[in-house]
C-alpha atoms as a PDB file:
ATOM      1  CA  MET A   1       5.482  21.317  -3.564  1.00  0.00           C
ATOM      2  CA  ALA A   2       9.016  21.569  -2.315  1.00  0.00           C
ATOM      3  CA  ILE A   3      11.967  19.932  -4.008  1.00  0.00           C
ATOM      4  CA  THR A   4      15.045  19.364  -1.928  1.00  0.00           C
ATOM      5  CA  LYS A   5      18.415  18.207  -3.125  1.00  0.00           C
ATOM      6  CA  GLU A   6      20.258  18.011   0.169  1.00  0.00           C
ATOM      7  CA  PRO A   7      23.075  15.510  -0.292  1.00  0.00           C
ATOM      8  CA  PHE A   8      23.121  14.266   3.333  1.00  0.00           C
ATOM      9  CA  SER A   9      20.443  13.477   5.897  1.00  0.00           C
ATOM     10  CA  SER A  10      20.554  14.753   9.462  1.00  0.00           C
ATOM     11  CA  LEU A  11      22.310  11.486  10.380  1.00  0.00           C
ATOM     12  CA  GLY A  12      25.134  12.197   7.936  1.00  0.00           C
ATOM     13  CA  ARG A  13      24.064   9.537   5.414  1.00  0.00           C
ATOM     14  CA  ARG A  14      23.956  10.296   1.718  1.00  0.00           C
ATOM     15  CA  ARG A  15      20.408  10.486   0.522  1.00  0.00           C
ATOM     16  CA  ALA A  16      18.624  10.767  -2.776  1.00  0.00           C
ATOM     17  CA  PRO A  17      16.881  13.960  -3.824  1.00  0.00           C
ATOM     18  CA  SER A  18      13.383  14.074  -2.428  1.00  0.00           C
ATOM     19  CA  ILE A  19      10.123  15.543  -3.581  1.00  0.00           C
ATOM     20  CA  GLU A  20       7.629  16.733  -0.999  1.00  0.00           C
ATOM     21  CA  ILE A  21       4.036  16.771  -2.107  1.00  0.00           C
ATOM     22  CA  LEU A  22       1.910  18.872   0.238  1.00  0.00           C
ATOM     23  CA  ARG A  23      -1.739  18.239   1.107  1.00  0.00           C
ATOM     24  CA  TYR A  24      -3.827  21.367   1.126  1.00  0.00           C
ATOM     25  CA  SER A  25      -7.523  21.040   0.282  1.00  0.00           C
ATOM     26  CA  GLY A  26      -7.339  17.624  -1.317  1.00  0.00           C
ATOM     27  CA  PHE A  27      -3.577  17.132  -1.654  1.00  0.00           C
ATOM     28  CA  MET A  28      -1.425  14.952   0.574  1.00  0.00           C
ATOM     29  CA  GLU A  29       1.944  15.870   2.019  1.00  0.00           C
ATOM     30  CA  THR A  30       4.551  13.182   1.557  1.00  0.00           C
ATOM     31  CA  THR A  31       8.204  12.832   0.689  1.00  0.00           C
ATOM     32  CA  ILE A  32       9.520  10.426  -1.905  1.00  0.00           C
ATOM     33  CA  GLU A  33      13.170   9.719  -2.469  1.00  0.00           C
ATOM     34  CA  ILE A  34      14.344   9.007  -5.980  1.00  0.00           C
ATOM     35  CA  PRO A  35      17.800   8.312  -7.422  1.00  0.00           C
ATOM     36  CA  ASP A  36      19.826  11.303  -8.659  1.00  0.00           C
ATOM     37  CA  GLY A  37      19.667  10.232 -12.299  1.00  0.00           C
ATOM     38  CA  LEU A  38      15.892   9.814 -12.287  1.00  0.00           C
ATOM     39  CA  PHE A  39      15.454  13.113 -10.455  1.00  0.00           C
ATOM     40  CA  ASP A  40      17.499  14.863 -13.135  1.00  0.00           C
ATOM     41  CA  GLN A  41      15.449  13.194 -15.890  1.00  0.00           C
ATOM     42  CA  VAL A  42      12.191  14.243 -14.248  1.00  0.00           C
ATOM     43  CA  THR A  43      13.276  17.859 -13.863  1.00  0.00           C
ATOM     44  CA  GLN A  44      14.583  17.991 -17.455  1.00  0.00           C
ATOM     45  CA  PHE A  45      11.362  16.417 -18.760  1.00  0.00           C
ATOM     46  CA  ALA A  46       9.251  18.849 -16.746  1.00  0.00           C
ATOM     47  CA  HIS A  47      11.234  21.825 -18.024  1.00  0.00           C
ATOM     48  CA  ALA A  48      11.117  20.644 -21.655  1.00  0.00           C
ATOM     49  CA  HIS A  49       7.337  20.146 -21.525  1.00  0.00           C
ATOM     50  CA  ALA A  50       6.515  23.265 -19.459  1.00  0.00           C
ATOM     51  CA  LEU A  51       5.271  21.136 -16.563  1.00  0.00           C
ATOM     52  CA  THR A  52       5.973  21.150 -12.873  1.00  0.00           C
ATOM     53  CA  VAL A  53       7.742  18.205 -11.277  1.00  0.00           C
ATOM     54  CA  GLN A  54       4.527  17.527  -9.354  1.00  0.00           C
ATOM     55  CA  GLU A  55       2.564  17.261 -12.617  1.00  0.00           C
ATOM     56  CA  VAL A  56       5.108  14.795 -14.027  1.00  0.00           C
ATOM     57  CA  VAL A  57       5.010  12.674 -10.862  1.00  0.00           C
ATOM     58  CA  GLU A  58       1.202  12.729 -10.731  1.00  0.00           C
ATOM     59  CA  SER A  59       0.966  11.810 -14.413  1.00  0.00           C
ATOM     60  CA  GLY A  60       3.388   8.914 -13.964  1.00  0.00           C
ATOM     61  CA  LEU A  61       1.558   7.594 -10.916  1.00  0.00           C
ATOM     62  CA  ARG A  62      -1.805   7.802 -12.684  1.00  0.00           C
ATOM     63  CA  LYS A  63      -0.381   5.962 -15.707  1.00  0.00           C
ATOM     64  CA  VAL A  64       1.052   3.125 -13.586  1.00  0.00           C
ATOM     65  CA  ILE A  65      -2.213   2.737 -11.661  1.00  0.00           C
ATOM     66  CA  ALA A  66      -4.273   2.736 -14.884  1.00  0.00           C
ATOM     67  CA  GLU A  67      -2.075  -0.020 -16.386  1.00  0.00           C
ATOM     68  CA  GLU A  68      -2.604  -2.335 -13.409  1.00  0.00           C
ATOM     69  CA  PRO A  69      -5.255  -4.939 -14.185  1.00  0.00           C
ATOM     70  CA  PRO A  70      -8.097  -5.020 -11.670  1.00  0.00           C
ATOM     71  CA  ALA A  71      -7.500  -7.499  -8.880  1.00  0.00           C
ATOM     72  CA  LYS A  72      -9.647 -10.603  -8.801  1.00  0.00           C
ATOM     73  CA  PRO A  73     -11.795 -10.636  -5.683  1.00  0.00           C
ATOM     74  CA  PHE A  74     -10.567 -13.069  -3.064  1.00  0.00           C
ATOM     75  CA  ARG A  75     -12.604 -16.247  -2.900  1.00  0.00           C
ATOM     76  CA  LEU A  76     -12.063 -18.710  -0.102  1.00  0.00           C
ATOM     77  CA  ARG A  77     -11.943 -22.201  -1.532  1.00  0.00           C
ATOM     78  CA  ASP A  78     -14.393 -24.770  -0.251  1.00  0.00           C
ATOM     79  CA  THR A  79     -12.621 -27.218   2.057  1.00  0.00           C
ATOM     80  CA  SER A  80     -15.685 -28.848   3.539  1.00  0.00           C
ATOM     81  CA  VAL A  81     -15.590 -32.555   4.152  1.00  0.00           C
ATOM     82  CA  GLY A  82     -18.557 -34.724   3.397  1.00  0.00           C
ATOM     83  CA  GLU A  83     -22.107 -33.517   3.227  1.00  0.00           C
ATOM     84  CA  GLY A  84     -24.732 -32.330   5.641  1.00  0.00           C
ATOM     85  CA  GLY A  85     -22.613 -30.320   8.077  1.00  0.00           C
ATOM     86  CA  MET A  86     -22.494 -31.501  11.680  1.00  0.00           C
ATOM     87  CA  VAL A  87     -23.521 -35.056  12.381  1.00  0.00           C
ATOM     88  CA  LYS A  88     -25.623 -33.886  15.322  1.00  0.00           C
ATOM     89  CA  ASP A  89     -27.178 -30.529  16.133  1.00  0.00           C
ATOM     90  CA  PHE A  90     -25.484 -29.503  19.367  1.00  0.00           C
ATOM     91  CA  THR A  91     -26.756 -26.937  21.808  1.00  0.00           C
ATOM     92  CA  TRP A  92     -24.271 -24.198  22.684  1.00  0.00           C
ATOM     93  CA  PRO A  93     -23.516 -25.648  26.150  1.00  0.00           C
ATOM     94  CA  GLU A  94     -22.854 -29.087  24.611  1.00  0.00           C
ATOM     95  CA  LEU A  95     -20.591 -27.643  21.903  1.00  0.00           C
ATOM     96  CA  ARG A  96     -18.725 -25.486  24.438  1.00  0.00           C
ATOM     97  CA  ALA A  97     -18.161 -28.513  26.664  1.00  0.00           C
ATOM     98  CA  ILE A  98     -16.687 -30.465  23.718  1.00  0.00           C
ATOM     99  CA  ILE A  99     -14.446 -27.556  22.659  1.00  0.00           C
ATOM    100  CA  TYR A 100     -13.061 -26.939  26.166  1.00  0.00           C
ATOM    101  CA  GLU A 101     -12.881 -30.587  27.266  1.00  0.00           C
ATOM    102  CA  GLY A 102      -9.580 -31.080  29.089  1.00  0.00           C
ATOM    103  CA  ARG A 103      -8.798 -27.342  28.992  1.00  0.00           C
ATOM    104  CA  GLY A 104     -10.356 -26.158  32.220  1.00  0.00           C
ATOM    105  CA  GLY A 105     -13.876 -25.849  30.842  1.00  0.00           C
ATOM    106  CA  GLU A 106     -16.975 -27.224  32.532  1.00  0.00           C
END
C-alpha cells in the first residue's frame, strides 16, 4: 500500500491525501482521497494501535458494511387489470399485426 501526500495534482489543483490499495493475489488496487484532517486522524490512530493505515481502512469499511441492514429484495407490484388475462387468445401473426397496425407492419 502506498500513501501519498502530494498537495497538488498534475493539473495544479489542490488535492486531498490519497491512499492506494494494491491488488496482489486477492487485493485490489485503488486510490481513495480523504480530507487532510481525517487522513491525519487515521495515521495517528494506526500508529497508536500498532496498525497499518490499510488495516484501519479495511476495518472501517468492514464495520460500515456490517452495520448496513440487508436490502429487501425488489418485488414488482401487481398492476394487472381485471381477471383472466387477454380477452382472446391471439396467434403471433394476429398479435404482431395489432401491435404494428399503422406503423408500417403487415
